Amino acid sequence: MATEEDWELVRRLVAALPEGTWTSYGDLAELIGTGPRQVGAYMRDGDVPGAYRVLTARGTVSEGFRWSDGRPGDEVPDLLREDGVKVDARGVADRDQRMYVYDLHLLSMELDD
């Protein structure tokens, strides 16, 4: 079960994602030992800065994505593009720009320094 410290790490990591990158619910979940749905709920309810940069494993906006005020995430692909993420016409983010669990682990070590 994820602890408050784990969720704080998720918050810090998402806020620190380098420009032009994205990650998935599953990668964050694997890092802290929980499930992707729990990460999605945290993104929704935790008012996490940069939460729109957390996508499905396919690189798409989750069907259940909502801003903390309840609005749907229709503009997420455009926001990702503004951040330097390549998003195709179908709304799929470039896999080469994904930060996988190993990358997140390295980023977390940088944050601790």
N, C-alpha and C. Protein backbone atom coordinates (compact mmCIF):
# COMPACT_ATOMS: atom_id res chain seq x y z
N MET A 1 0.84 -1.19 0.00
CA MET A 1 0.00 0.00 0.00
C MET A 1 0.89 1.25 0.00
N ALA A 2 0.55 2.21 -0.82
CA ALA A 2 1.32 3.44 -0.94
C ALA A 2 1.12 4.31 0.30
N THR A 3 2.21 4.93 0.71
CA THR A 3 2.20 5.80 1.88
C THR A 3 2.08 7.26 1.46
N GLU A 4 1.91 8.14 2.43
CA GLU A 4 1.88 9.57 2.14
C GLU A 4 3.19 10.01 1.49
N GLU A 5 4.30 9.42 1.92
CA GLU A 5 5.60 9.75 1.31
C GLU A 5 5.63 9.33 -0.15
N ASP A 6 5.05 8.17 -0.46
CA ASP A 6 4.99 7.71 -1.85
C ASP A 6 4.20 8.70 -2.71
N TRP A 7 3.06 9.14 -2.19
CA TRP A 7 2.23 10.07 -2.96
C TRP A 7 2.92 11.42 -3.12
N GLU A 8 3.66 11.83 -2.10
CA GLU A 8 4.42 13.08 -2.23
C GLU A 8 5.50 12.93 -3.29
N LEU A 9 6.11 11.75 -3.38
CA LEU A 9 7.10 11.50 -4.43
C LEU A 9 6.45 11.60 -5.80
N VAL A 10 5.28 11.00 -5.96
CA VAL A 10 4.56 11.09 -7.23
C VAL A 10 4.32 12.55 -7.59
N ARG A 11 3.86 13.32 -6.63
CA ARG A 11 3.59 14.74 -6.85
C ARG A 11 4.86 15.47 -7.31
N ARG A 12 5.96 15.22 -6.63
CA ARG A 12 7.22 15.88 -6.96
C ARG A 12 7.73 15.44 -8.34
N LEU A 13 7.61 14.17 -8.64
CA LEU A 13 8.07 13.66 -9.93
C LEU A 13 7.29 14.25 -11.09
N VAL A 14 5.98 14.26 -10.97
CA VAL A 14 5.16 14.80 -12.05
C VAL A 14 5.48 16.28 -12.27
N ALA A 15 5.66 17.01 -11.19
CA ALA A 15 6.00 18.43 -11.31
C ALA A 15 7.38 18.63 -11.92
N ALA A 16 8.27 17.64 -11.76
CA ALA A 16 9.65 17.77 -12.23
C ALA A 16 9.91 17.10 -13.58
N LEU A 17 8.88 16.55 -14.22
CA LEU A 17 9.11 15.92 -15.52
C LEU A 17 9.78 16.92 -16.46
N PRO A 18 10.87 16.53 -17.07
CA PRO A 18 11.55 17.47 -17.98
C PRO A 18 10.65 17.86 -19.15
N GLU A 19 10.86 19.05 -19.64
CA GLU A 19 10.10 19.53 -20.80
C GLU A 19 10.21 18.52 -21.93
N GLY A 20 9.11 18.30 -22.61
CA GLY A 20 9.11 17.38 -23.75
C GLY A 20 8.99 15.92 -23.36
N THR A 21 8.59 15.64 -22.11
CA THR A 21 8.42 14.26 -21.68
C THR A 21 7.04 14.05 -21.07
N TRP A 22 6.67 12.79 -20.99
CA TRP A 22 5.43 12.38 -20.33
C TRP A 22 5.69 11.05 -19.66
N THR A 23 4.78 10.62 -18.81
CA THR A 23 4.88 9.30 -18.19
C THR A 23 3.48 8.69 -18.12
N SER A 24 3.42 7.47 -17.62
CA SER A 24 2.12 6.79 -17.57
C SER A 24 1.71 6.53 -16.12
N TYR A 25 0.42 6.30 -15.97
CA TYR A 25 -0.11 5.92 -14.66
C TYR A 25 0.57 4.66 -14.17
N GLY A 26 0.78 3.71 -15.08
CA GLY A 26 1.39 2.44 -14.72
C GLY A 26 2.84 2.58 -14.27
N ASP A 27 3.60 3.47 -14.93
CA ASP A 27 4.99 3.67 -14.52
C ASP A 27 5.06 4.25 -13.11
N LEU A 28 4.23 5.25 -12.83
CA LEU A 28 4.20 5.83 -11.49
C LEU A 28 3.74 4.80 -10.47
N ALA A 29 2.74 4.00 -10.84
CA ALA A 29 2.22 2.97 -9.93
C ALA A 29 3.29 1.94 -9.61
N GLU A 30 4.02 1.50 -10.63
CA GLU A 30 5.07 0.52 -10.40
C GLU A 30 6.15 1.08 -9.48
N LEU A 31 6.46 2.34 -9.65
CA LEU A 31 7.50 2.97 -8.83
C LEU A 31 7.15 2.95 -7.35
N ILE A 32 5.88 3.19 -7.02
CA ILE A 32 5.51 3.27 -5.60
C ILE A 32 4.76 2.05 -5.08
N GLY A 33 4.56 1.06 -5.94
CA GLY A 33 3.94 -0.18 -5.48
C GLY A 33 2.44 -0.12 -5.30
N THR A 34 1.76 0.51 -6.24
CA THR A 34 0.31 0.57 -6.20
C THR A 34 -0.22 0.31 -7.60
N GLY A 35 -1.49 0.58 -7.84
CA GLY A 35 -2.07 0.33 -9.15
C GLY A 35 -2.29 1.61 -9.95
N PRO A 36 -2.39 1.48 -11.27
CA PRO A 36 -2.62 2.65 -12.12
C PRO A 36 -3.90 3.42 -11.79
N ARG A 37 -4.94 2.70 -11.41
CA ARG A 37 -6.20 3.39 -11.07
C ARG A 37 -6.04 4.27 -9.83
N GLN A 38 -5.26 3.80 -8.87
CA GLN A 38 -5.02 4.60 -7.68
C GLN A 38 -4.24 5.87 -8.03
N VAL A 39 -3.28 5.71 -8.95
CA VAL A 39 -2.53 6.89 -9.40
C VAL A 39 -3.46 7.85 -10.12
N GLY A 40 -4.34 7.34 -10.96
CA GLY A 40 -5.31 8.18 -11.65
C GLY A 40 -6.20 8.94 -10.68
N ALA A 41 -6.66 8.26 -9.64
CA ALA A 41 -7.50 8.92 -8.63
C ALA A 41 -6.71 10.01 -7.91
N TYR A 42 -5.45 9.73 -7.64
CA TYR A 42 -4.61 10.74 -6.98
C TYR A 42 -4.40 11.94 -7.89
N MET A 43 -4.18 11.69 -9.18
CA MET A 43 -4.01 12.80 -10.13
C MET A 43 -5.26 13.66 -10.15
N ARG A 44 -6.42 13.02 -10.11
CA ARG A 44 -7.69 13.73 -10.16
C ARG A 44 -7.96 14.51 -8.87
N ASP A 45 -7.75 13.87 -7.74
CA ASP A 45 -8.15 14.45 -6.46
C ASP A 45 -7.04 15.23 -5.77
N GLY A 46 -5.78 15.02 -6.20
CA GLY A 46 -4.67 15.63 -5.49
C GLY A 46 -4.24 16.97 -6.02
N ASP A 47 -4.91 17.48 -7.07
CA ASP A 47 -4.55 18.76 -7.68
C ASP A 47 -3.04 18.81 -7.93
N VAL A 48 -2.55 17.84 -8.68
CA VAL A 48 -1.12 17.66 -8.94
C VAL A 48 -0.69 18.54 -10.12
N PRO A 49 0.29 19.43 -9.90
CA PRO A 49 0.78 20.24 -11.02
C PRO A 49 1.34 19.34 -12.13
N GLY A 50 0.92 19.58 -13.35
CA GLY A 50 1.40 18.80 -14.48
C GLY A 50 0.72 17.46 -14.65
N ALA A 51 -0.39 17.22 -13.96
CA ALA A 51 -1.07 15.92 -14.03
C ALA A 51 -1.45 15.54 -15.45
N TYR A 52 -1.63 16.51 -16.32
CA TYR A 52 -1.99 16.23 -17.71
C TYR A 52 -0.87 15.53 -18.46
N ARG A 53 0.35 15.49 -17.89
CA ARG A 53 1.48 14.82 -18.53
C ARG A 53 1.57 13.35 -18.14
N VAL A 54 0.57 12.88 -17.40
CA VAL A 54 0.46 11.47 -17.05
C VAL A 54 -0.63 10.88 -17.94
N LEU A 55 -0.23 9.92 -18.77
CA LEU A 55 -1.11 9.37 -19.79
C LEU A 55 -1.28 7.86 -19.61
N THR A 56 -2.10 7.27 -20.44
CA THR A 56 -2.22 5.82 -20.45
C THR A 56 -0.92 5.24 -21.03
N ALA A 57 -0.74 3.95 -20.89
CA ALA A 57 0.45 3.29 -21.44
C ALA A 57 0.53 3.44 -22.96
N ARG A 58 -0.60 3.63 -23.61
CA ARG A 58 -0.63 3.83 -25.07
C ARG A 58 -0.22 5.25 -25.46
N GLY A 59 -0.11 6.13 -24.47
CA GLY A 59 0.25 7.51 -24.77
C GLY A 59 -0.93 8.40 -25.07
N THR A 60 -2.10 8.02 -24.57
CA THR A 60 -3.30 8.81 -24.81
C THR A 60 -3.85 9.33 -23.49
N VAL A 61 -4.66 10.35 -23.58
CA VAL A 61 -5.33 10.89 -22.40
C VAL A 61 -6.34 9.87 -21.92
N SER A 62 -6.33 9.58 -20.64
CA SER A 62 -7.29 8.64 -20.07
C SER A 62 -8.71 9.12 -20.30
N GLU A 63 -9.61 8.20 -20.64
CA GLU A 63 -11.02 8.55 -20.81
C GLU A 63 -11.59 9.20 -19.56
N GLY A 64 -11.06 8.82 -18.42
CA GLY A 64 -11.56 9.36 -17.16
C GLY A 64 -10.86 10.62 -16.69
N PHE A 65 -9.94 11.15 -17.50
CA PHE A 65 -9.21 12.34 -17.07
C PHE A 65 -10.17 13.51 -16.86
N ARG A 66 -10.03 14.14 -15.72
CA ARG A 66 -10.77 15.36 -15.39
C ARG A 66 -9.81 16.28 -14.63
N TRP A 67 -9.95 17.58 -14.88
CA TRP A 67 -9.22 18.55 -14.07
C TRP A 67 -9.83 18.53 -12.68
N SER A 68 -9.13 19.08 -11.70
CA SER A 68 -9.62 19.03 -10.33
C SER A 68 -10.97 19.75 -10.17
N ASP A 69 -11.30 20.66 -11.11
CA ASP A 69 -12.60 21.34 -11.04
C ASP A 69 -13.68 20.60 -11.82
N GLY A 70 -13.35 19.39 -12.35
CA GLY A 70 -14.33 18.56 -13.02
C GLY A 70 -14.39 18.70 -14.53
N ARG A 71 -13.68 19.68 -15.10
CA ARG A 71 -13.69 19.83 -16.56
C ARG A 71 -13.01 18.65 -17.24
N PRO A 72 -13.49 18.26 -18.42
CA PRO A 72 -12.80 17.19 -19.17
C PRO A 72 -11.47 17.70 -19.71
N GLY A 73 -10.61 16.79 -20.10
CA GLY A 73 -9.27 17.13 -20.55
C GLY A 73 -9.11 17.29 -22.04
N ASP A 74 -10.09 17.88 -22.69
CA ASP A 74 -10.05 18.02 -24.15
C ASP A 74 -8.82 18.74 -24.66
N GLU A 75 -8.29 19.68 -23.89
CA GLU A 75 -7.16 20.47 -24.35
C GLU A 75 -5.80 19.85 -24.00
N VAL A 76 -5.79 18.68 -23.38
CA VAL A 76 -4.53 18.06 -22.96
C VAL A 76 -3.56 17.85 -24.12
N PRO A 77 -3.97 17.32 -25.27
CA PRO A 77 -3.00 17.17 -26.36
C PRO A 77 -2.32 18.49 -26.76
N ASP A 78 -3.08 19.57 -26.75
CA ASP A 78 -2.49 20.87 -27.08
C ASP A 78 -1.51 21.32 -26.00
N LEU A 79 -1.84 21.08 -24.74
CA LEU A 79 -0.93 21.43 -23.65
C LEU A 79 0.36 20.62 -23.74
N LEU A 80 0.24 19.34 -24.08
CA LEU A 80 1.42 18.50 -24.25
C LEU A 80 2.30 19.04 -25.38
N ARG A 81 1.68 19.41 -26.47
CA ARG A 81 2.44 19.98 -27.59
C ARG A 81 3.18 21.25 -27.16
N GLU A 82 2.51 22.09 -26.37
CA GLU A 82 3.15 23.31 -25.87
C GLU A 82 4.36 22.98 -25.01
N ASP A 83 4.31 21.82 -24.33
CA ASP A 83 5.43 21.38 -23.49
C ASP A 83 6.51 20.67 -24.28
N GLY A 84 6.33 20.54 -25.59
CA GLY A 84 7.34 19.91 -26.43
C GLY A 84 7.14 18.43 -26.68
N VAL A 85 5.99 17.90 -26.28
CA VAL A 85 5.69 16.50 -26.54
C VAL A 85 5.05 16.40 -27.92
N LYS A 86 5.55 15.49 -28.73
CA LYS A 86 4.96 15.27 -30.05
C LYS A 86 3.71 14.42 -29.86
N VAL A 87 2.59 14.95 -30.31
CA VAL A 87 1.30 14.26 -30.21
C VAL A 87 0.72 14.21 -31.62
N ASP A 88 0.40 13.01 -32.09
CA ASP A 88 -0.11 12.89 -33.46
C ASP A 88 -1.58 13.30 -33.54
N ALA A 89 -2.11 13.28 -34.74
CA ALA A 89 -3.49 13.72 -34.98
C ALA A 89 -4.53 12.87 -34.24
N ARG A 90 -4.16 11.65 -33.88
CA ARG A 90 -5.08 10.77 -33.13
C ARG A 90 -4.99 11.00 -31.63
N GLY A 91 -4.07 11.91 -31.22
CA GLY A 91 -3.92 12.20 -29.80
C GLY A 91 -2.96 11.28 -29.07
N VAL A 92 -2.06 10.63 -29.81
CA VAL A 92 -1.11 9.69 -29.21
C VAL A 92 0.25 10.37 -29.06
N ALA A 93 0.76 10.37 -27.85
CA ALA A 93 2.07 10.98 -27.56
C ALA A 93 3.19 10.07 -28.04
N ASP A 94 4.28 10.68 -28.45
CA ASP A 94 5.46 9.98 -28.95
C ASP A 94 6.07 9.11 -27.84
N ARG A 95 6.17 7.82 -28.10
CA ARG A 95 6.72 6.87 -27.11
C ARG A 95 8.18 7.17 -26.77
N ASP A 96 8.91 7.76 -27.71
CA ASP A 96 10.31 8.08 -27.44
C ASP A 96 10.46 9.17 -26.39
N GLN A 97 9.39 9.86 -26.09
CA GLN A 97 9.43 10.93 -25.10
C GLN A 97 8.88 10.48 -23.74
N ARG A 98 8.54 9.21 -23.65
CA ARG A 98 7.98 8.67 -22.40
C ARG A 98 9.08 8.42 -21.38
N MET A 99 8.79 8.76 -20.13
CA MET A 99 9.68 8.43 -19.03
C MET A 99 9.11 7.19 -18.36
N TYR A 100 9.86 6.10 -18.50
CA TYR A 100 9.46 4.82 -17.92
C TYR A 100 9.87 4.76 -16.45
N VAL A 101 9.48 3.70 -15.77
CA VAL A 101 9.72 3.60 -14.33
C VAL A 101 11.21 3.77 -14.00
N TYR A 102 12.09 3.21 -14.81
CA TYR A 102 13.52 3.37 -14.56
C TYR A 102 13.92 4.84 -14.63
N ASP A 103 13.41 5.55 -15.63
CA ASP A 103 13.70 6.98 -15.78
C ASP A 103 13.17 7.76 -14.58
N LEU A 104 11.99 7.38 -14.12
CA LEU A 104 11.40 8.05 -12.95
C LEU A 104 12.23 7.81 -11.71
N HIS A 105 12.75 6.60 -11.59
CA HIS A 105 13.62 6.29 -10.45
C HIS A 105 14.86 7.18 -10.48
N LEU A 106 15.47 7.32 -11.65
CA LEU A 106 16.64 8.20 -11.77
C LEU A 106 16.27 9.64 -11.44
N LEU A 107 15.12 10.11 -11.93
CA LEU A 107 14.69 11.46 -11.63
C LEU A 107 14.47 11.64 -10.13
N SER A 108 13.91 10.63 -9.48
CA SER A 108 13.69 10.74 -8.03
C SER A 108 15.00 10.85 -7.28
N MET A 109 16.03 10.17 -7.76
CA MET A 109 17.35 10.28 -7.11
C MET A 109 17.91 11.69 -7.31
N GLU A 110 17.69 12.27 -8.48
CA GLU A 110 18.13 13.65 -8.71
C GLU A 110 17.40 14.62 -7.79
N LEU A 111 16.13 14.38 -7.57
CA LEU A 111 15.35 15.25 -6.69
C LEU A 111 15.84 15.18 -5.24
N ASP A 112 16.35 14.01 -4.86
CA ASP A 112 16.84 13.82 -3.49
C ASP A 112 18.19 14.48 -3.26
N ASP A 113 18.92 14.75 -4.35
CA ASP A 113 20.26 15.38 -4.19
C ASP A 113 20.16 16.85 -3.90
